[in-house]
């Protein structure tokens, strides 16, 4: 079983059918943590290499939106090749740390609703559809894996946000 070296998350594909509900809960936790703090606190980077709480929230929002589009593409195209999302480039290009925390929190919860809504409509056959995922290296991945990987992203980055408090 695949496991994240950084946080220990185990990629149990049996979690795929419940990933949407768990993602909604994790997104809510992140948005609550960011939303209840002062702007100066949520935009402060612990060090140059580590994102701020707000930057993590923006990243998670964008992960959910990108993953939703990837799932939808895999449902209409036979084994599409998906490009990396350019996570590091987005931080500056989209001005993550300059966005209003209240807007980011709302958008994060909305993105979780959109992504979980798509997952909730997948049938047995759809869960098995694959795409070529290009990070860290090109590999065919099922939509089950995409759901569980997205759950991992939120789990991992919730811990990042908690460390920033």
N, C-alpha and C. Protein backbone atom coordinates (compact mmCIF):
# COMPACT_ATOMS: atom_id res chain seq x y z
N UNK A 1 0.85 -1.19 0.00
CA UNK A 1 0.00 0.00 0.00
C UNK A 1 0.89 1.24 0.00
N UNK A 2 0.55 2.15 -0.88
CA UNK A 2 1.28 3.42 -0.96
C UNK A 2 1.07 4.21 0.33
N UNK A 3 2.13 4.87 0.79
CA UNK A 3 2.06 5.64 2.04
C UNK A 3 2.87 6.93 1.87
N UNK A 4 2.36 8.02 2.42
CA UNK A 4 3.06 9.30 2.39
C UNK A 4 4.16 9.29 3.45
N UNK A 5 5.37 9.55 3.03
CA UNK A 5 6.50 9.59 3.96
C UNK A 5 6.38 10.76 4.93
N UNK A 6 5.76 11.84 4.49
CA UNK A 6 5.67 13.04 5.32
C UNK A 6 4.65 12.97 6.44
N UNK A 7 3.49 12.37 6.16
CA UNK A 7 2.43 12.36 7.17
C UNK A 7 1.95 10.97 7.55
N UNK A 8 2.41 9.96 6.83
CA UNK A 8 2.02 8.58 7.15
C UNK A 8 0.70 8.15 6.56
N UNK A 9 0.03 8.99 5.79
CA UNK A 9 -1.26 8.64 5.21
C UNK A 9 -1.11 7.39 4.33
N UNK A 10 -1.98 6.40 4.54
CA UNK A 10 -1.97 5.17 3.74
C UNK A 10 -3.05 5.26 2.67
N UNK A 11 -2.65 4.99 1.45
CA UNK A 11 -3.55 5.06 0.30
C UNK A 11 -4.39 3.79 0.21
N UNK A 12 -5.41 3.70 1.05
CA UNK A 12 -6.33 2.58 1.05
C UNK A 12 -7.46 2.91 0.08
N UNK A 13 -7.46 2.25 -1.08
CA UNK A 13 -8.45 2.57 -2.11
C UNK A 13 -9.87 2.23 -1.69
N UNK A 14 -10.03 1.47 -0.63
CA UNK A 14 -11.37 1.18 -0.10
C UNK A 14 -12.00 2.44 0.50
N UNK A 15 -11.19 3.46 0.74
CA UNK A 15 -11.71 4.74 1.27
C UNK A 15 -12.40 5.58 0.20
N UNK A 16 -12.19 5.23 -1.06
CA UNK A 16 -12.70 6.07 -2.16
C UNK A 16 -14.19 6.42 -2.03
N UNK A 17 -15.08 5.46 -1.75
CA UNK A 17 -16.51 5.81 -1.70
C UNK A 17 -16.87 6.80 -0.58
N UNK A 18 -16.06 6.90 0.46
CA UNK A 18 -16.37 7.83 1.55
C UNK A 18 -15.44 9.05 1.54
N UNK A 19 -14.56 9.11 0.56
CA UNK A 19 -13.59 10.21 0.49
C UNK A 19 -14.29 11.57 0.41
N UNK A 20 -15.37 11.66 -0.34
CA UNK A 20 -16.07 12.93 -0.48
C UNK A 20 -16.54 13.50 0.85
N UNK A 21 -17.14 12.66 1.68
CA UNK A 21 -17.61 13.12 3.00
C UNK A 21 -16.43 13.55 3.87
N UNK A 22 -15.36 12.79 3.83
CA UNK A 22 -14.19 13.13 4.63
C UNK A 22 -13.54 14.42 4.14
N UNK A 23 -13.52 14.61 2.83
CA UNK A 23 -12.96 15.83 2.25
C UNK A 23 -13.78 17.05 2.67
N UNK A 24 -15.10 16.92 2.68
CA UNK A 24 -15.95 18.02 3.15
C UNK A 24 -15.61 18.40 4.59
N UNK A 25 -15.43 17.41 5.44
CA UNK A 25 -15.12 17.67 6.85
C UNK A 25 -13.74 18.32 7.01
N UNK A 26 -12.76 17.83 6.26
CA UNK A 26 -11.41 18.40 6.35
C UNK A 26 -11.36 19.83 5.81
N UNK A 27 -12.06 20.07 4.71
CA UNK A 27 -12.11 21.43 4.15
C UNK A 27 -12.74 22.39 5.17
N UNK A 28 -13.76 21.93 5.84
CA UNK A 28 -14.42 22.75 6.86
C UNK A 28 -13.46 23.06 8.01
N UNK A 29 -12.69 22.08 8.41
CA UNK A 29 -11.71 22.30 9.49
C UNK A 29 -10.67 23.34 9.08
N UNK A 30 -10.15 23.20 7.86
CA UNK A 30 -9.14 24.15 7.39
C UNK A 30 -9.74 25.55 7.31
N UNK A 31 -10.93 25.67 6.72
CA UNK A 31 -11.53 27.01 6.57
C UNK A 31 -11.85 27.62 7.93
N UNK A 32 -12.25 26.81 8.89
CA UNK A 32 -12.53 27.33 10.23
C UNK A 32 -11.26 27.85 10.89
N UNK A 33 -10.17 27.09 10.75
CA UNK A 33 -8.91 27.52 11.34
C UNK A 33 -8.40 28.82 10.72
N UNK A 34 -8.53 28.93 9.41
CA UNK A 34 -8.07 30.14 8.73
C UNK A 34 -9.03 31.30 9.00
N UNK A 35 -10.31 31.02 8.97
CA UNK A 35 -11.32 32.07 9.10
C UNK A 35 -11.41 32.73 10.46
N UNK A 36 -10.97 32.05 11.51
CA UNK A 36 -11.11 32.62 12.85
C UNK A 36 -9.87 33.38 13.32
N UNK A 37 -8.89 33.51 12.46
CA UNK A 37 -7.66 34.19 12.85
C UNK A 37 -7.50 35.51 12.09
N UNK A 38 -6.72 36.38 12.65
CA UNK A 38 -6.42 37.68 12.06
C UNK A 38 -5.64 37.50 10.76
N UNK A 39 -5.84 38.41 9.82
CA UNK A 39 -5.16 38.36 8.52
C UNK A 39 -3.64 38.30 8.70
N UNK A 40 -3.10 39.06 9.63
CA UNK A 40 -1.65 39.07 9.85
C UNK A 40 -1.15 37.68 10.27
N UNK A 41 -1.95 36.94 10.98
CA UNK A 41 -1.57 35.60 11.43
C UNK A 41 -1.63 34.61 10.27
N UNK A 42 -2.72 34.64 9.49
CA UNK A 42 -2.89 33.64 8.42
C UNK A 42 -2.01 33.90 7.21
N UNK A 43 -1.45 35.11 7.08
CA UNK A 43 -0.58 35.39 5.94
C UNK A 43 0.90 35.31 6.30
N UNK A 44 1.21 35.02 7.55
CA UNK A 44 2.61 34.95 7.99
C UNK A 44 3.20 33.57 7.67
N UNK A 45 4.31 33.60 6.98
CA UNK A 45 5.03 32.36 6.69
C UNK A 45 5.96 32.05 7.86
N UNK A 46 5.96 30.81 8.35
CA UNK A 46 6.88 30.44 9.43
C UNK A 46 8.35 30.60 9.03
N UNK A 47 8.63 30.35 7.74
CA UNK A 47 9.96 30.57 7.17
C UNK A 47 9.78 30.71 5.66
N UNK A 48 10.85 31.02 4.96
CA UNK A 48 10.76 31.31 3.53
C UNK A 48 10.24 30.12 2.73
N UNK A 49 10.59 28.90 3.13
CA UNK A 49 10.21 27.70 2.38
C UNK A 49 8.82 27.17 2.72
N UNK A 50 8.21 27.66 3.80
CA UNK A 50 6.93 27.12 4.26
C UNK A 50 5.81 28.11 4.00
N UNK A 51 4.74 27.62 3.39
CA UNK A 51 3.60 28.48 3.08
C UNK A 51 2.91 28.95 4.35
N UNK A 52 2.18 30.03 4.21
CA UNK A 52 1.32 30.54 5.29
C UNK A 52 0.04 29.69 5.34
N UNK A 53 -0.72 29.88 6.39
CA UNK A 53 -2.01 29.18 6.51
C UNK A 53 -2.91 29.51 5.32
N UNK A 54 -2.93 30.77 4.93
CA UNK A 54 -3.78 31.19 3.81
C UNK A 54 -3.30 30.55 2.51
N UNK A 55 -2.00 30.48 2.31
CA UNK A 55 -1.47 29.85 1.10
C UNK A 55 -1.84 28.37 1.05
N UNK A 56 -1.78 27.68 2.18
CA UNK A 56 -2.22 26.28 2.21
C UNK A 56 -3.71 26.16 1.88
N UNK A 57 -4.52 27.05 2.43
CA UNK A 57 -5.96 27.02 2.15
C UNK A 57 -6.23 27.25 0.66
N UNK A 58 -5.52 28.19 0.06
CA UNK A 58 -5.67 28.45 -1.38
C UNK A 58 -5.24 27.23 -2.18
N UNK A 59 -4.13 26.62 -1.78
CA UNK A 59 -3.64 25.43 -2.48
C UNK A 59 -4.67 24.31 -2.43
N UNK A 60 -5.22 24.06 -1.26
CA UNK A 60 -6.21 22.98 -1.12
C UNK A 60 -7.45 23.28 -1.96
N UNK A 61 -7.89 24.52 -1.95
CA UNK A 61 -9.02 24.92 -2.80
C UNK A 61 -8.74 24.58 -4.26
N UNK A 62 -7.55 24.96 -4.73
CA UNK A 62 -7.20 24.74 -6.12
C UNK A 62 -7.01 23.25 -6.42
N UNK A 63 -6.47 22.49 -5.49
CA UNK A 63 -6.36 21.03 -5.66
C UNK A 63 -7.74 20.45 -5.90
N UNK A 64 -8.71 20.85 -5.10
CA UNK A 64 -10.07 20.32 -5.24
C UNK A 64 -10.66 20.67 -6.60
N UNK A 65 -10.45 21.88 -7.06
CA UNK A 65 -10.99 22.29 -8.35
C UNK A 65 -10.29 21.55 -9.50
N UNK A 66 -8.98 21.42 -9.41
CA UNK A 66 -8.22 20.72 -10.45
C UNK A 66 -8.60 19.23 -10.47
N UNK A 67 -8.68 18.62 -9.30
CA UNK A 67 -9.02 17.20 -9.24
C UNK A 67 -10.43 16.94 -9.77
N UNK A 68 -11.34 17.85 -9.50
CA UNK A 68 -12.71 17.71 -10.03
C UNK A 68 -12.67 17.68 -11.55
N UNK A 69 -11.92 18.62 -12.14
CA UNK A 69 -11.83 18.65 -13.61
C UNK A 69 -11.16 17.40 -14.16
N UNK A 70 -10.20 16.87 -13.43
CA UNK A 70 -9.54 15.64 -13.88
C UNK A 70 -10.50 14.45 -13.85
N UNK A 71 -11.29 14.35 -12.82
CA UNK A 71 -12.29 13.27 -12.74
C UNK A 71 -13.28 13.40 -13.89
N UNK A 72 -13.78 14.61 -14.11
CA UNK A 72 -14.74 14.82 -15.19
C UNK A 72 -14.12 14.49 -16.55
N UNK A 73 -12.85 14.83 -16.74
CA UNK A 73 -12.18 14.50 -17.99
C UNK A 73 -12.04 12.98 -18.16
N UNK A 74 -11.70 12.30 -17.09
CA UNK A 74 -11.54 10.84 -17.16
C UNK A 74 -12.86 10.14 -17.46
N UNK A 75 -13.97 10.78 -17.16
CA UNK A 75 -15.28 10.20 -17.45
C UNK A 75 -15.66 10.35 -18.92
N UNK A 76 -15.04 11.30 -19.61
CA UNK A 76 -15.40 11.52 -21.02
C UNK A 76 -14.30 11.19 -22.01
N UNK A 77 -13.05 11.04 -21.53
CA UNK A 77 -11.91 10.74 -22.40
C UNK A 77 -11.26 9.46 -21.91
N UNK A 78 -10.93 8.59 -22.82
CA UNK A 78 -10.28 7.33 -22.44
C UNK A 78 -8.84 7.59 -22.01
N UNK A 79 -8.55 7.34 -20.76
CA UNK A 79 -7.23 7.48 -20.13
C UNK A 79 -6.50 8.78 -20.52
N UNK A 80 -7.08 9.92 -20.13
CA UNK A 80 -6.43 11.20 -20.46
C UNK A 80 -5.11 11.37 -19.72
N UNK A 81 -4.26 12.15 -20.32
CA UNK A 81 -2.98 12.50 -19.72
C UNK A 81 -3.16 13.87 -19.06
N UNK A 82 -3.07 13.95 -17.75
CA UNK A 82 -3.30 15.22 -17.06
C UNK A 82 -1.97 15.86 -16.66
N UNK A 83 -1.87 17.12 -16.93
CA UNK A 83 -0.67 17.88 -16.59
C UNK A 83 -0.64 18.19 -15.10
N UNK A 84 0.56 18.45 -14.59
CA UNK A 84 0.67 18.86 -13.20
C UNK A 84 -0.02 20.22 -13.05
N UNK A 85 -0.47 20.50 -11.84
CA UNK A 85 -1.22 21.74 -11.62
C UNK A 85 -0.33 22.96 -11.43
N UNK A 86 0.97 22.79 -11.33
CA UNK A 86 1.86 23.93 -11.13
C UNK A 86 1.66 24.57 -9.77
N UNK A 87 1.65 23.73 -8.74
CA UNK A 87 1.29 24.21 -7.40
C UNK A 87 2.18 25.35 -6.91
N UNK A 88 3.48 25.23 -7.09
CA UNK A 88 4.37 26.28 -6.60
C UNK A 88 4.21 27.58 -7.38
N UNK A 89 4.01 27.47 -8.69
CA UNK A 89 3.83 28.65 -9.52
C UNK A 89 2.54 29.39 -9.18
N UNK A 90 1.52 28.67 -8.78
CA UNK A 90 0.23 29.29 -8.46
C UNK A 90 0.30 30.23 -7.26
N UNK A 91 1.18 29.94 -6.32
CA UNK A 91 1.26 30.75 -5.10
C UNK A 91 1.47 32.21 -5.46
N UNK A 92 2.42 32.47 -6.35
CA UNK A 92 2.69 33.86 -6.76
C UNK A 92 1.77 34.31 -7.88
N UNK A 93 1.56 33.45 -8.88
CA UNK A 93 0.75 33.84 -10.05
C UNK A 93 -0.67 34.22 -9.65
N UNK A 94 -1.23 33.55 -8.65
CA UNK A 94 -2.60 33.84 -8.22
C UNK A 94 -2.62 34.70 -6.95
N UNK A 95 -1.45 35.08 -6.47
CA UNK A 95 -1.41 35.96 -5.29
C UNK A 95 -2.09 35.37 -4.08
N UNK A 96 -1.78 34.11 -3.78
CA UNK A 96 -2.44 33.41 -2.67
C UNK A 96 -2.46 34.23 -1.38
N UNK A 97 -1.34 34.80 -1.01
CA UNK A 97 -1.26 35.47 0.29
C UNK A 97 -1.89 36.86 0.29
N UNK A 98 -2.38 37.29 -0.86
CA UNK A 98 -3.03 38.59 -0.95
C UNK A 98 -4.56 38.46 -1.05
N UNK A 99 -5.04 37.23 -1.07
CA UNK A 99 -6.49 37.02 -1.17
C UNK A 99 -7.15 37.21 0.19
N UNK A 100 -8.41 37.55 0.15
CA UNK A 100 -9.15 37.76 1.40
C UNK A 100 -9.48 36.42 2.03
N UNK A 101 -9.07 36.21 3.29
CA UNK A 101 -9.32 34.93 3.94
C UNK A 101 -10.80 34.51 3.93
N UNK A 102 -11.71 35.46 4.10
CA UNK A 102 -13.13 35.13 4.11
C UNK A 102 -13.55 34.55 2.75
N UNK A 103 -13.01 35.09 1.67
CA UNK A 103 -13.32 34.59 0.34
C UNK A 103 -12.72 33.19 0.14
N UNK A 104 -11.48 33.03 0.55
CA UNK A 104 -10.80 31.74 0.39
C UNK A 104 -11.53 30.65 1.17
N UNK A 105 -11.97 30.96 2.38
CA UNK A 105 -12.69 29.97 3.19
C UNK A 105 -13.99 29.53 2.51
N UNK A 106 -14.72 30.50 1.99
CA UNK A 106 -15.97 30.17 1.27
C UNK A 106 -15.66 29.34 0.02
N UNK A 107 -14.65 29.76 -0.73
CA UNK A 107 -14.29 29.05 -1.95
C UNK A 107 -13.79 27.63 -1.66
N UNK A 108 -13.06 27.48 -0.58
CA UNK A 108 -12.57 26.15 -0.19
C UNK A 108 -13.74 25.22 0.10
N UNK A 109 -14.70 25.68 0.86
CA UNK A 109 -15.87 24.85 1.15
C UNK A 109 -16.69 24.56 -0.11
N UNK A 110 -16.82 25.55 -0.98
CA UNK A 110 -17.53 25.35 -2.24
C UNK A 110 -16.81 24.33 -3.12
N UNK A 111 -15.48 24.43 -3.19
CA UNK A 111 -14.70 23.49 -4.00
C UNK A 111 -14.85 22.07 -3.46
N UNK A 112 -14.88 21.93 -2.14
CA UNK A 112 -15.08 20.60 -1.54
C UNK A 112 -16.46 20.05 -1.89
N UNK A 113 -17.46 20.91 -1.88
CA UNK A 113 -18.82 20.49 -2.28
C UNK A 113 -18.85 20.04 -3.74
N UNK A 114 -18.20 20.81 -4.60
CA UNK A 114 -18.17 20.46 -6.02
C UNK A 114 -17.47 19.13 -6.26
N UNK A 115 -16.31 18.96 -5.63
CA UNK A 115 -15.55 17.72 -5.81
C UNK A 115 -16.30 16.52 -5.23
N UNK A 116 -16.81 16.66 -4.03
CA UNK A 116 -17.52 15.54 -3.41
C UNK A 116 -18.80 15.21 -4.18
N UNK A 117 -19.42 16.22 -4.78
CA UNK A 117 -20.61 15.99 -5.60
C UNK A 117 -20.31 15.11 -6.80
N UNK A 118 -19.19 15.36 -7.45
CA UNK A 118 -18.79 14.52 -8.59
C UNK A 118 -18.50 13.10 -8.12
N UNK A 119 -17.78 12.97 -7.00
CA UNK A 119 -17.48 11.62 -6.49
C UNK A 119 -18.75 10.85 -6.15
N UNK A 120 -19.73 11.54 -5.59
CA UNK A 120 -20.95 10.86 -5.16
C UNK A 120 -21.74 10.27 -6.33
N UNK A 121 -21.47 10.72 -7.53
CA UNK A 121 -22.20 10.25 -8.71
C UNK A 121 -21.50 9.12 -9.44
N UNK A 122 -20.30 8.74 -8.98
CA UNK A 122 -19.56 7.68 -9.67
C UNK A 122 -20.16 6.31 -9.36
N UNK A 123 -20.32 5.50 -10.41
CA UNK A 123 -20.77 4.13 -10.21
C UNK A 123 -19.53 3.21 -10.20
N UNK A 124 -19.77 1.92 -10.00
CA UNK A 124 -18.66 0.97 -9.88
C UNK A 124 -17.71 1.03 -11.08
N UNK A 125 -18.27 1.07 -12.26
CA UNK A 125 -17.45 1.12 -13.48
C UNK A 125 -16.64 2.42 -13.57
N UNK A 126 -17.26 3.52 -13.19
CA UNK A 126 -16.58 4.82 -13.26
C UNK A 126 -15.39 4.90 -12.31
N UNK A 127 -15.52 4.32 -11.13
CA UNK A 127 -14.41 4.34 -10.17
C UNK A 127 -13.15 3.70 -10.75
N UNK A 128 -13.34 2.78 -11.67
CA UNK A 128 -12.20 2.05 -12.25
C UNK A 128 -11.58 2.75 -13.46
N UNK A 129 -12.22 3.79 -13.96
CA UNK A 129 -11.63 4.52 -15.09
C UNK A 129 -10.28 5.09 -14.67
N UNK A 130 -9.40 5.25 -15.64
CA UNK A 130 -8.06 5.70 -15.31
C UNK A 130 -7.67 6.96 -16.08
N UNK A 131 -6.67 7.61 -15.55
CA UNK A 131 -6.03 8.73 -16.22
C UNK A 131 -4.53 8.58 -15.99
N UNK A 132 -3.75 9.28 -16.79
CA UNK A 132 -2.31 9.27 -16.60
C UNK A 132 -1.97 10.46 -15.73
N UNK A 133 -1.57 10.17 -14.52
CA UNK A 133 -1.23 11.19 -13.52
C UNK A 133 0.26 11.44 -13.62
N UNK A 134 0.67 12.67 -13.77
CA UNK A 134 2.07 13.00 -14.07
C UNK A 134 2.91 13.45 -12.89
N UNK A 135 2.47 13.19 -11.67
CA UNK A 135 3.27 13.56 -10.51
C UNK A 135 3.28 12.40 -9.53
N UNK A 136 4.40 11.99 -9.02
CA UNK A 136 5.75 12.50 -9.29
C UNK A 136 6.33 12.00 -10.61
N UNK A 137 5.77 10.93 -11.16
CA UNK A 137 6.16 10.46 -12.49
C UNK A 137 4.90 9.94 -13.18
N UNK A 138 4.88 9.93 -14.52
CA UNK A 138 3.67 9.47 -15.22
C UNK A 138 3.29 8.04 -14.84
N UNK A 139 2.02 7.89 -14.41
CA UNK A 139 1.50 6.58 -14.02
C UNK A 139 -0.01 6.54 -14.27
N UNK A 140 -0.52 5.40 -14.73
CA UNK A 140 -1.99 5.29 -14.82
C UNK A 140 -2.56 5.17 -13.41
N UNK A 141 -3.60 5.94 -13.14
CA UNK A 141 -4.25 5.95 -11.81
C UNK A 141 -5.76 5.87 -11.99
N UNK A 142 -6.39 5.08 -11.15
CA UNK A 142 -7.85 4.96 -11.20
C UNK A 142 -8.49 6.18 -10.51
N UNK A 143 -9.78 6.36 -10.77
CA UNK A 143 -10.48 7.44 -10.08
C UNK A 143 -10.58 7.16 -8.59
N UNK A 144 -10.54 5.90 -8.19
CA UNK A 144 -10.45 5.58 -6.77
C UNK A 144 -9.18 6.21 -6.19
N UNK A 145 -8.07 6.02 -6.90
CA UNK A 145 -6.81 6.59 -6.43
C UNK A 145 -6.89 8.11 -6.38
N UNK A 146 -7.49 8.73 -7.38
CA UNK A 146 -7.61 10.19 -7.41
C UNK A 146 -8.39 10.67 -6.18
N UNK A 147 -9.47 9.99 -5.85
CA UNK A 147 -10.27 10.37 -4.67
C UNK A 147 -9.44 10.24 -3.40
N UNK A 148 -8.73 9.13 -3.26
CA UNK A 148 -7.94 8.89 -2.05
C UNK A 148 -6.74 9.84 -2.01
N UNK A 149 -6.14 10.10 -3.15
CA UNK A 149 -5.02 11.06 -3.19
C UNK A 149 -5.49 12.45 -2.77
N UNK A 150 -6.66 12.83 -3.21
CA UNK A 150 -7.21 14.14 -2.83
C UNK A 150 -7.50 14.18 -1.34
N UNK A 151 -8.02 13.09 -0.81
CA UNK A 151 -8.22 12.98 0.65
C UNK A 151 -6.87 13.14 1.36
N UNK A 152 -5.84 12.52 0.81
CA UNK A 152 -4.50 12.68 1.40
C UNK A 152 -4.06 14.13 1.38
N UNK A 153 -4.27 14.82 0.27
CA UNK A 153 -3.87 16.23 0.17
C UNK A 153 -4.50 17.05 1.31
N UNK A 154 -5.79 16.86 1.56
CA UNK A 154 -6.44 17.62 2.61
C UNK A 154 -5.96 17.21 3.99
N UNK A 155 -5.76 15.92 4.19
CA UNK A 155 -5.26 15.42 5.48
C UNK A 155 -3.87 16.00 5.75
N UNK A 156 -3.01 15.92 4.75
CA UNK A 156 -1.63 16.38 4.88
C UNK A 156 -1.58 17.89 5.15
N UNK A 157 -2.37 18.65 4.40
CA UNK A 157 -2.30 20.10 4.54
C UNK A 157 -3.08 20.62 5.74
N UNK A 158 -4.03 19.88 6.25
CA UNK A 158 -4.63 20.24 7.54
C UNK A 158 -3.55 20.22 8.60
N UNK A 159 -2.70 19.20 8.58
CA UNK A 159 -1.59 19.12 9.54
C UNK A 159 -0.63 20.31 9.35
N UNK A 160 -0.39 20.71 8.10
CA UNK A 160 0.46 21.87 7.84
C UNK A 160 -0.15 23.13 8.46
N UNK A 161 -1.45 23.32 8.28
CA UNK A 161 -2.13 24.48 8.83
C UNK A 161 -2.09 24.44 10.37
N UNK A 162 -2.31 23.26 10.94
CA UNK A 162 -2.29 23.14 12.40
C UNK A 162 -0.90 23.48 12.96
N UNK A 163 0.14 23.10 12.25
CA UNK A 163 1.50 23.43 12.71
C UNK A 163 1.76 24.94 12.66
N UNK A 164 1.04 25.63 11.79
CA UNK A 164 1.24 27.07 11.62
C UNK A 164 0.55 27.89 12.69
N UNK A 165 -0.30 27.27 13.49
CA UNK A 165 -1.08 28.04 14.48
C UNK A 165 -0.27 28.33 15.72
